[in-house]
Amino acid sequence: MKTGKMIGACILLVTAFSPVQITAESTNAVKRSLPPLAQKLPPLPPKANPEPVPPSRILARVNGVDITRATLDRQVELMAVLLKNKNPKITPQRLDLFKKKNLKRISNDMVRRIMLSTCLEPSNIVVSAEMRKSVEQDFAQNYGAKKQSFEKLRGVVEGAGYLKEFEDNLRLEALIKTFVTTVYSNRYYVSDTDILKYRKDVEDFNVMANATNAFNRAMAAKVAERARKGEDFARLADEFSQDPGKNPGGLIGQCDEHDFEDAKHVWLAVASLKTGGVTDVIDLEDGFAVFHVNKRLSAEETETGEEALLLSRIFFRRAFTFPPQSDEDFRADIEKELRQALFKDIIVAFRRQSKIEYPEGVVENY
């Protein structure tokens, strides 16, 4: 769904890095050849021990930098501005729901970003104009409307009054990408022999995954038929559904058309049913589902003031399969995985240098 995807994009402010290369005969060998991160990370200044601050004023202190409720609120509002820019049709009610649901996630992200910023600033990294431009293009792609330039995106944020927070996020991403491409400037290399081996592994994996998917789809069809013949849908959901966040009886809850913006075929299927109706098997990105309309709700019965449905579903997982790829794209994906693993190692190393305090007295001091 668009809202879900946008939330992920808003929260993730540190994304893809330029390729980093280490010559090796396998991915395991590449990972083992990484130099100790402690030798590469810029040193932090001595950890300060500032005077205690009233818990009511701060949410966390990261390497001596306070995150207050006011700074968190402004970051949340910036994310809402970006979400509204990406999806102009989103309602005020949906924006409020986004803010409430993602307050904790955005707070945790701020802790990580301040940790990264305070760890990198002592190294006096110089960001090139080319790198800055690259990051701006990434921001426009992730947070901009369709074909919206970075300049127009920046203008939207400035008009809303959150330019400083936006520029801080931009600066940090450019700083991190510069650090990674400077310190780990060599490129990964995957040999042709490796490509052939990985290709065979992928083919074998896909054979098993496709067999699993055929079985799960057939099971979903049988369960749908049993429900349409009168068996209790809730009992079938409790017995068969593989939904990872399954509620009793497969209950999803109140849903309207906005909840299926990225899966309009689902809304078209359920909206055409009467109360008690059961859909055929519906293909989803992550699986196969059968939906049941528990109740049709009028606009007066909903919090959003829009007509909605009370839905349940029975879900069967879709096993991941690798898509067809050229050797060039296949090699690029392997290199990308290695870069992601490198970034996780950098986060761990920075965290060991950092001091993170919370009002409750919890101190993360590695």
Protein backbone atom coordinates (compact mmCIF):
# COMPACT_ATOMS: atom_id res chain seq x y z
CA MET A 1 0.00 0.00 0.00
CA LYS A 2 1.31 3.45 -0.80
CA THR A 3 1.03 4.70 2.76
CA GLY A 4 2.97 1.74 4.10
CA LYS A 5 5.69 2.12 1.50
CA MET A 6 5.94 5.84 2.09
CA ILE A 7 6.26 5.35 5.83
CA GLY A 8 9.21 3.05 5.18
CA ALA A 9 10.81 5.57 2.85
CA CYS A 10 10.28 8.42 5.32
CA ILE A 11 11.85 6.54 8.19
CA LEU A 12 14.88 5.33 6.22
CA LEU A 13 17.03 8.42 5.78
CA VAL A 14 20.30 6.59 5.10
CA THR A 15 20.05 4.53 1.92
CA ALA A 16 22.13 3.09 -0.91
CA PHE A 17 25.86 3.70 -1.07
CA SER A 18 28.24 3.88 -3.98
CA PRO A 19 29.86 0.52 -4.80
CA VAL A 20 32.70 -0.62 -2.58
CA GLN A 21 35.03 -3.29 -3.97
CA ILE A 22 37.14 -5.96 -2.34
CA THR A 23 38.67 -8.63 -4.57
CA ALA A 24 37.82 -12.14 -3.40
CA GLU A 25 36.78 -15.53 -4.72
CA SER A 26 33.53 -15.63 -2.75
CA THR A 27 31.26 -13.44 -0.69
CA ASN A 28 32.48 -15.11 2.50
CA ALA A 29 36.06 -14.35 1.56
CA VAL A 30 35.09 -10.76 0.85
CA LYS A 31 33.50 -10.36 4.27
CA ARG A 32 36.53 -11.89 5.99
CA SER A 33 38.84 -9.51 4.14
CA LEU A 34 37.22 -6.38 5.57
CA PRO A 35 39.73 -4.48 7.72
CA PRO A 36 38.89 -4.04 11.41
CA LEU A 37 36.40 -1.20 11.55
CA ALA A 38 38.04 0.19 14.65
CA GLN A 39 41.05 1.09 12.49
CA LYS A 40 38.90 3.00 10.02
CA LEU A 41 36.38 4.90 12.13
CA PRO A 42 37.13 8.52 13.05
CA PRO A 43 37.77 8.92 16.79
CA LEU A 44 35.15 10.48 19.01
CA PRO A 45 36.03 13.27 21.42
CA PRO A 46 36.12 12.20 25.10
CA LYS A 47 32.67 11.23 26.33
CA ALA A 48 31.15 14.16 28.17
CA ASN A 49 29.29 13.89 31.46
CA PRO A 50 26.96 16.90 31.36
CA GLU A 51 24.74 17.94 34.22
CA PRO A 52 21.51 15.96 34.52
CA VAL A 53 18.59 17.40 32.57
CA PRO A 54 15.00 17.10 33.85
CA PRO A 55 13.42 14.03 32.22
CA SER A 56 10.44 16.14 31.18
CA ARG A 57 12.66 18.14 28.82
CA ILE A 58 14.47 15.42 26.90
CA LEU A 59 13.59 12.06 25.40
CA ALA A 60 17.19 10.92 24.94
CA ARG A 61 20.75 12.23 24.99
CA VAL A 62 23.09 10.89 22.31
CA ASN A 63 26.79 11.67 22.75
CA GLY A 64 25.81 14.81 24.63
CA VAL A 65 23.17 15.94 22.10
CA ASP A 66 19.63 16.15 23.47
CA ILE A 67 16.55 14.94 21.62
CA THR A 68 13.65 16.94 23.01
CA ARG A 69 9.97 16.44 22.45
CA ALA A 70 9.97 19.61 20.35
CA THR A 71 12.70 18.31 18.01
CA LEU A 72 10.93 14.96 17.70
CA ASP A 73 7.61 16.65 16.91
CA ARG A 74 9.22 18.70 14.15
CA GLN A 75 10.78 15.59 12.64
CA VAL A 76 7.40 13.84 12.70
CA GLU A 77 5.79 16.85 11.02
CA LEU A 78 8.50 16.84 8.35
CA MET A 79 7.76 13.19 7.63
CA ALA A 80 4.06 14.07 7.35
CA VAL A 81 4.87 16.88 4.89
CA LEU A 82 6.89 14.44 2.74
CA LEU A 83 4.10 11.87 2.89
CA LYS A 84 1.52 14.45 1.84
CA ASN A 85 3.81 15.59 -0.99
CA LYS A 86 4.24 12.02 -2.22
CA ASN A 87 0.52 11.26 -1.96
CA PRO A 88 -1.57 14.46 -2.24
CA LYS A 89 -4.83 12.49 -1.91
CA ILE A 90 -4.06 11.35 1.63
CA THR A 91 -6.65 12.63 4.12
CA PRO A 92 -5.89 14.63 7.30
CA GLN A 93 -7.17 11.68 9.32
CA ARG A 94 -4.62 9.40 7.65
CA LEU A 95 -1.82 11.86 8.36
CA ASP A 96 -2.77 11.99 12.04
CA LEU A 97 -2.82 8.19 12.15
CA PHE A 98 0.62 8.10 10.52
CA LYS A 99 2.04 10.45 13.16
CA LYS A 100 0.64 8.40 16.05
CA LYS A 101 1.72 5.03 14.68
CA ASN A 102 5.26 6.11 13.76
CA LEU A 103 6.21 8.33 16.68
CA LYS A 104 8.37 5.65 18.31
CA ARG A 105 9.99 4.60 15.04
CA ILE A 106 10.92 8.15 14.14
CA SER A 107 12.28 8.68 17.66
CA ASN A 108 14.54 5.63 17.33
CA ASP A 109 15.66 6.82 13.90
CA MET A 110 16.62 10.21 15.34
CA VAL A 111 18.79 8.47 17.94
CA ARG A 112 20.61 6.58 15.20
CA ARG A 113 21.05 9.63 12.97
CA ILE A 114 22.43 11.80 15.80
CA MET A 115 24.77 8.96 16.74
CA LEU A 116 26.07 8.80 13.17
CA SER A 117 26.39 12.57 12.92
CA THR A 118 28.32 12.98 16.18
CA CYS A 119 30.62 10.10 15.27
CA LEU A 120 31.44 11.44 11.81
CA GLU A 121 31.76 15.18 12.46
CA PRO A 122 35.22 14.96 14.13
CA SER A 123 36.68 13.49 10.94
CA ASN A 124 36.08 16.75 8.99
CA ILE A 125 34.77 14.90 5.95
CA VAL A 126 34.45 17.11 2.86
CA VAL A 127 31.36 16.39 0.76
CA SER A 128 31.86 17.02 -2.95
CA ALA A 129 29.35 18.83 -5.14
CA GLU A 130 28.91 15.62 -7.12
CA MET A 131 28.03 13.66 -3.98
CA ARG A 132 25.63 16.36 -2.85
CA LYS A 133 23.89 16.22 -6.23
CA SER A 134 23.65 12.43 -6.04
CA VAL A 135 22.01 12.59 -2.61
CA GLU A 136 19.58 15.29 -3.78
CA GLN A 137 18.51 13.03 -6.64
CA ASP A 138 17.96 10.17 -4.18
CA PHE A 139 15.78 12.40 -2.00
CA ALA A 140 13.70 13.52 -4.98
CA GLN A 141 13.18 9.90 -6.01
CA ASN A 142 12.28 8.68 -2.51
CA TYR A 143 10.16 11.58 -1.26
CA GLY A 144 9.12 13.55 -4.34
CA ALA A 145 5.89 13.31 -6.29
CA LYS A 146 5.99 11.78 -9.78
CA LYS A 147 8.77 13.41 -11.85
CA GLN A 148 9.21 16.11 -9.19
CA SER A 149 12.64 17.76 -9.18
CA PHE A 150 14.66 18.17 -6.00
CA GLU A 151 14.28 21.95 -6.23
CA LYS A 152 10.49 21.66 -6.20
CA LEU A 153 10.59 19.15 -3.35
CA ARG A 154 12.82 21.49 -1.36
CA GLY A 155 10.41 24.34 -2.06
CA VAL A 156 7.51 22.31 -0.65
CA VAL A 157 9.45 21.60 2.55
CA GLU A 158 10.58 25.23 2.86
CA GLY A 159 7.03 26.47 2.39
CA ALA A 160 5.88 24.18 5.21
CA GLY A 161 8.57 25.57 7.53
CA TYR A 162 10.74 22.47 7.98
CA LEU A 163 13.72 23.29 5.76
CA LYS A 164 16.31 23.05 8.57
CA GLU A 165 15.30 19.50 9.49
CA PHE A 166 15.23 18.53 5.82
CA GLU A 167 18.70 19.98 5.19
CA ASP A 168 20.05 18.20 8.28
CA ASN A 169 18.85 14.87 6.90
CA LEU A 170 20.33 15.68 3.50
CA ARG A 171 23.68 16.69 4.99
CA LEU A 172 23.93 13.53 7.09
CA GLU A 173 23.23 11.22 4.18
CA ALA A 174 25.87 12.98 2.07
CA LEU A 175 28.31 12.75 4.98
CA ILE A 176 27.80 9.01 5.40
CA LYS A 177 28.03 8.23 1.70
CA THR A 178 31.22 10.25 1.45
CA PHE A 179 32.69 8.46 4.45
CA VAL A 180 31.91 5.01 3.08
CA THR A 181 33.18 5.73 -0.44
CA THR A 182 36.33 7.41 0.93
CA VAL A 183 37.33 4.89 3.58
CA TYR A 184 36.19 1.85 1.61
CA SER A 185 37.03 3.15 -1.84
CA ASN A 186 37.97 -0.18 -3.43
CA ARG A 187 35.23 -2.05 -5.33
CA TYR A 188 33.78 -5.48 -4.71
CA TYR A 189 34.55 -8.03 -7.40
CA VAL A 190 32.59 -11.22 -8.11
CA SER A 191 34.24 -13.65 -10.51
CA ASP A 192 32.53 -15.38 -13.45
CA THR A 193 32.98 -18.70 -11.62
CA ASP A 194 31.07 -17.27 -8.68
CA ILE A 195 28.30 -16.08 -11.01
CA LEU A 196 27.83 -19.61 -12.41
CA LYS A 197 27.71 -21.10 -8.91
CA TYR A 198 25.22 -18.54 -7.66
CA ARG A 199 23.09 -19.05 -10.78
CA LYS A 200 22.80 -22.78 -10.04
CA ASP A 201 21.92 -22.08 -6.41
CA VAL A 202 19.19 -19.65 -7.52
CA GLU A 203 17.71 -22.12 -10.02
CA ASP A 204 17.54 -24.87 -7.37
CA PHE A 205 16.00 -22.47 -4.88
CA ASN A 206 13.33 -21.31 -7.36
CA VAL A 207 12.26 -24.89 -8.15
CA MET A 208 11.46 -25.51 -4.47
CA ALA A 209 9.85 -22.11 -3.99
CA ASN A 210 7.55 -22.52 -7.00
CA ALA A 211 6.40 -25.91 -5.71
CA THR A 212 5.59 -24.36 -2.34
CA ASN A 213 3.63 -21.54 -3.97
CA ALA A 214 1.57 -23.92 -6.10
CA PHE A 215 0.66 -25.93 -3.00
CA ASN A 216 -0.26 -22.86 -0.92
CA ARG A 217 -2.43 -21.39 -3.67
CA ALA A 218 -4.29 -24.70 -4.03
CA MET A 219 -4.84 -24.78 -0.26
CA ALA A 220 -6.23 -21.23 -0.33
CA ALA A 221 -8.69 -22.25 -3.06
CA LYS A 222 -9.90 -25.25 -1.03
CA VAL A 223 -10.40 -23.13 2.09
CA ALA A 224 -12.33 -20.49 0.11
CA GLU A 225 -14.63 -23.18 -1.26
CA ARG A 226 -15.28 -24.58 2.22
CA ALA A 227 -16.13 -21.10 3.52
CA ARG A 228 -18.55 -20.47 0.65
CA LYS A 229 -20.28 -23.80 1.42
CA GLY A 230 -21.09 -22.56 4.91
CA GLU A 231 -18.15 -23.46 7.17
CA ASP A 232 -17.31 -20.83 9.79
CA PHE A 233 -14.72 -18.44 8.29
CA ALA A 234 -13.23 -17.51 11.67
CA ARG A 235 -12.65 -21.16 12.56
CA LEU A 236 -11.04 -21.84 9.18
CA ALA A 237 -8.78 -18.80 9.66
CA ASP A 238 -7.67 -20.00 13.09
CA GLU A 239 -6.90 -23.44 11.66
CA PHE A 240 -5.25 -22.60 8.35
CA SER A 241 -4.13 -18.97 8.08
CA GLN A 242 -0.38 -18.35 7.91
CA ASP A 243 -0.75 -14.60 8.53
CA PRO A 244 2.27 -13.60 10.70
CA GLY A 245 0.23 -11.01 12.61
CA LYS A 246 -2.93 -13.10 12.68
CA ASN A 247 -5.73 -11.98 14.99
CA PRO A 248 -8.34 -14.44 16.26
CA GLY A 249 -10.62 -15.43 13.42
CA GLY A 250 -8.31 -13.78 10.87
CA LEU A 251 -9.79 -10.36 11.73
CA ILE A 252 -8.13 -7.44 9.91
CA GLY A 253 -10.46 -4.72 11.15
CA GLN A 254 -12.05 -1.66 9.60
CA CYS A 255 -10.75 -0.94 6.09
CA ASP A 256 -11.66 1.48 3.33
CA GLU A 257 -10.46 2.14 -0.21
CA HIS A 258 -7.43 4.14 0.98
CA ASP A 259 -6.03 1.05 2.70
CA PHE A 260 -5.71 -0.69 -0.66
CA GLU A 261 -4.18 2.05 -2.80
CA ASP A 262 -1.38 -0.27 -3.88
CA ALA A 263 -3.68 -3.29 -4.19
CA LYS A 264 -6.78 -1.91 -5.88
CA HIS A 265 -7.73 -5.38 -7.12
CA VAL A 266 -8.29 -6.41 -3.50
CA TRP A 267 -10.64 -3.50 -2.81
CA LEU A 268 -12.57 -4.13 -6.02
CA ALA A 269 -13.06 -7.76 -4.97
CA VAL A 270 -14.22 -7.10 -1.39
CA ALA A 271 -16.25 -3.96 -2.15
CA SER A 272 -18.50 -5.93 -4.49
CA LEU A 273 -19.50 -8.42 -1.77
CA LYS A 274 -22.42 -8.34 0.61
CA THR A 275 -22.03 -8.96 4.34
CA GLY A 276 -20.90 -12.56 4.80
CA GLY A 277 -19.39 -12.75 1.32
CA VAL A 278 -16.13 -14.60 0.59
CA THR A 279 -13.73 -13.78 -2.25
CA ASP A 280 -11.92 -16.17 -4.55
CA VAL A 281 -8.19 -16.56 -3.98
CA ILE A 282 -6.53 -13.15 -4.45
CA ASP A 283 -2.86 -12.93 -5.37
CA LEU A 284 -0.88 -10.55 -3.16
CA GLU A 285 2.74 -9.52 -3.36
CA ASP A 286 3.61 -11.67 -0.34
CA GLY A 287 1.05 -14.45 -0.61
CA PHE A 288 -2.44 -15.68 -1.42
CA ALA A 289 -5.50 -14.50 0.49
CA VAL A 290 -9.20 -15.16 0.87
CA PHE A 291 -11.22 -12.26 2.30
CA HIS A 292 -14.50 -12.29 4.23
CA VAL A 293 -16.78 -9.28 4.69
CA ASN A 294 -17.88 -9.35 8.33
CA LYS A 295 -19.91 -6.15 8.07
CA ARG A 296 -20.43 -3.14 5.80
CA LEU A 297 -20.04 0.14 7.72
CA SER A 298 -21.76 3.40 6.81
CA ALA A 299 -19.94 6.74 6.94
CA GLU A 300 -21.67 7.51 10.24
CA GLU A 301 -20.22 4.36 11.84
CA THR A 302 -16.53 5.09 11.02
CA GLU A 303 -13.92 7.39 12.58
CA THR A 304 -12.87 8.74 9.18
CA GLY A 305 -16.38 9.62 8.02
CA GLU A 306 -16.06 7.34 4.99
CA GLU A 307 -17.82 4.09 4.15
CA ALA A 308 -15.76 1.06 5.15
CA LEU A 309 -15.77 -2.71 5.53
CA LEU A 310 -15.00 -4.88 8.54
CA LEU A 311 -12.79 -7.58 7.03
CA SER A 312 -11.19 -10.89 7.92
CA ARG A 313 -8.80 -12.92 5.82
CA ILE A 314 -7.14 -16.30 5.51
CA PHE A 315 -3.59 -15.92 4.27
CA PHE A 316 -1.07 -18.34 2.78
CA ARG A 317 2.53 -17.19 2.36
CA ARG A 318 4.24 -16.79 -0.99
CA ALA A 319 7.77 -18.20 -1.02
CA PHE A 320 10.31 -15.76 -2.42
CA THR A 321 11.59 -16.50 -5.92
CA PHE A 322 14.50 -14.81 -7.66
CA PRO A 323 13.52 -12.87 -10.81
CA PRO A 324 15.38 -13.38 -14.11
CA GLN A 325 18.51 -11.22 -14.26
CA SER A 326 21.44 -10.55 -16.54
CA ASP A 327 24.94 -11.39 -15.26
CA GLU A 328 25.59 -7.68 -14.82
CA ASP A 329 22.50 -7.15 -12.67
CA PHE A 330 23.14 -10.37 -10.78
CA ARG A 331 26.68 -9.26 -9.93
CA ALA A 332 25.40 -5.82 -8.89
CA ASP A 333 22.92 -7.41 -6.45
CA ILE A 334 25.68 -9.44 -4.80
CA GLU A 335 27.79 -6.32 -4.43
CA LYS A 336 24.80 -4.46 -2.96
CA GLU A 337 24.32 -7.15 -0.31
CA LEU A 338 27.96 -6.85 0.67
CA ARG A 339 27.66 -3.06 0.98
CA GLN A 340 24.58 -3.45 3.20
CA ALA A 341 26.46 -5.88 5.44
CA LEU A 342 29.32 -3.37 5.63
CA PHE A 343 26.99 -0.57 6.70
CA LYS A 344 25.51 -2.73 9.47
CA ASP A 345 29.04 -3.36 10.74
CA ILE A 346 29.72 0.39 10.72
CA ILE A 347 26.56 1.05 12.75
CA VAL A 348 27.65 -1.51 15.35
CA ALA A 349 31.13 -0.01 15.54
CA PHE A 350 29.79 3.54 15.99
CA ARG A 351 27.39 2.35 18.67
CA ARG A 352 30.28 0.92 20.66
CA GLN A 353 31.85 4.38 20.68
CA SER A 354 28.67 6.13 21.71
CA LYS A 355 26.86 6.99 24.92
CA ILE A 356 23.07 6.97 24.71
CA GLU A 357 21.01 8.00 27.75
CA TYR A 358 17.29 8.01 28.41
CA PRO A 359 15.29 9.83 31.12
CA GLU A 360 14.44 6.54 32.81
CA GLY A 361 18.12 6.15 33.66
CA VAL A 362 18.96 3.61 30.97
CA VAL A 363 22.43 4.22 29.54
CA GLU A 364 23.76 2.46 26.44
CA ASN A 365 27.50 2.89 26.84
CA TYR A 366 29.45 0.28 24.87
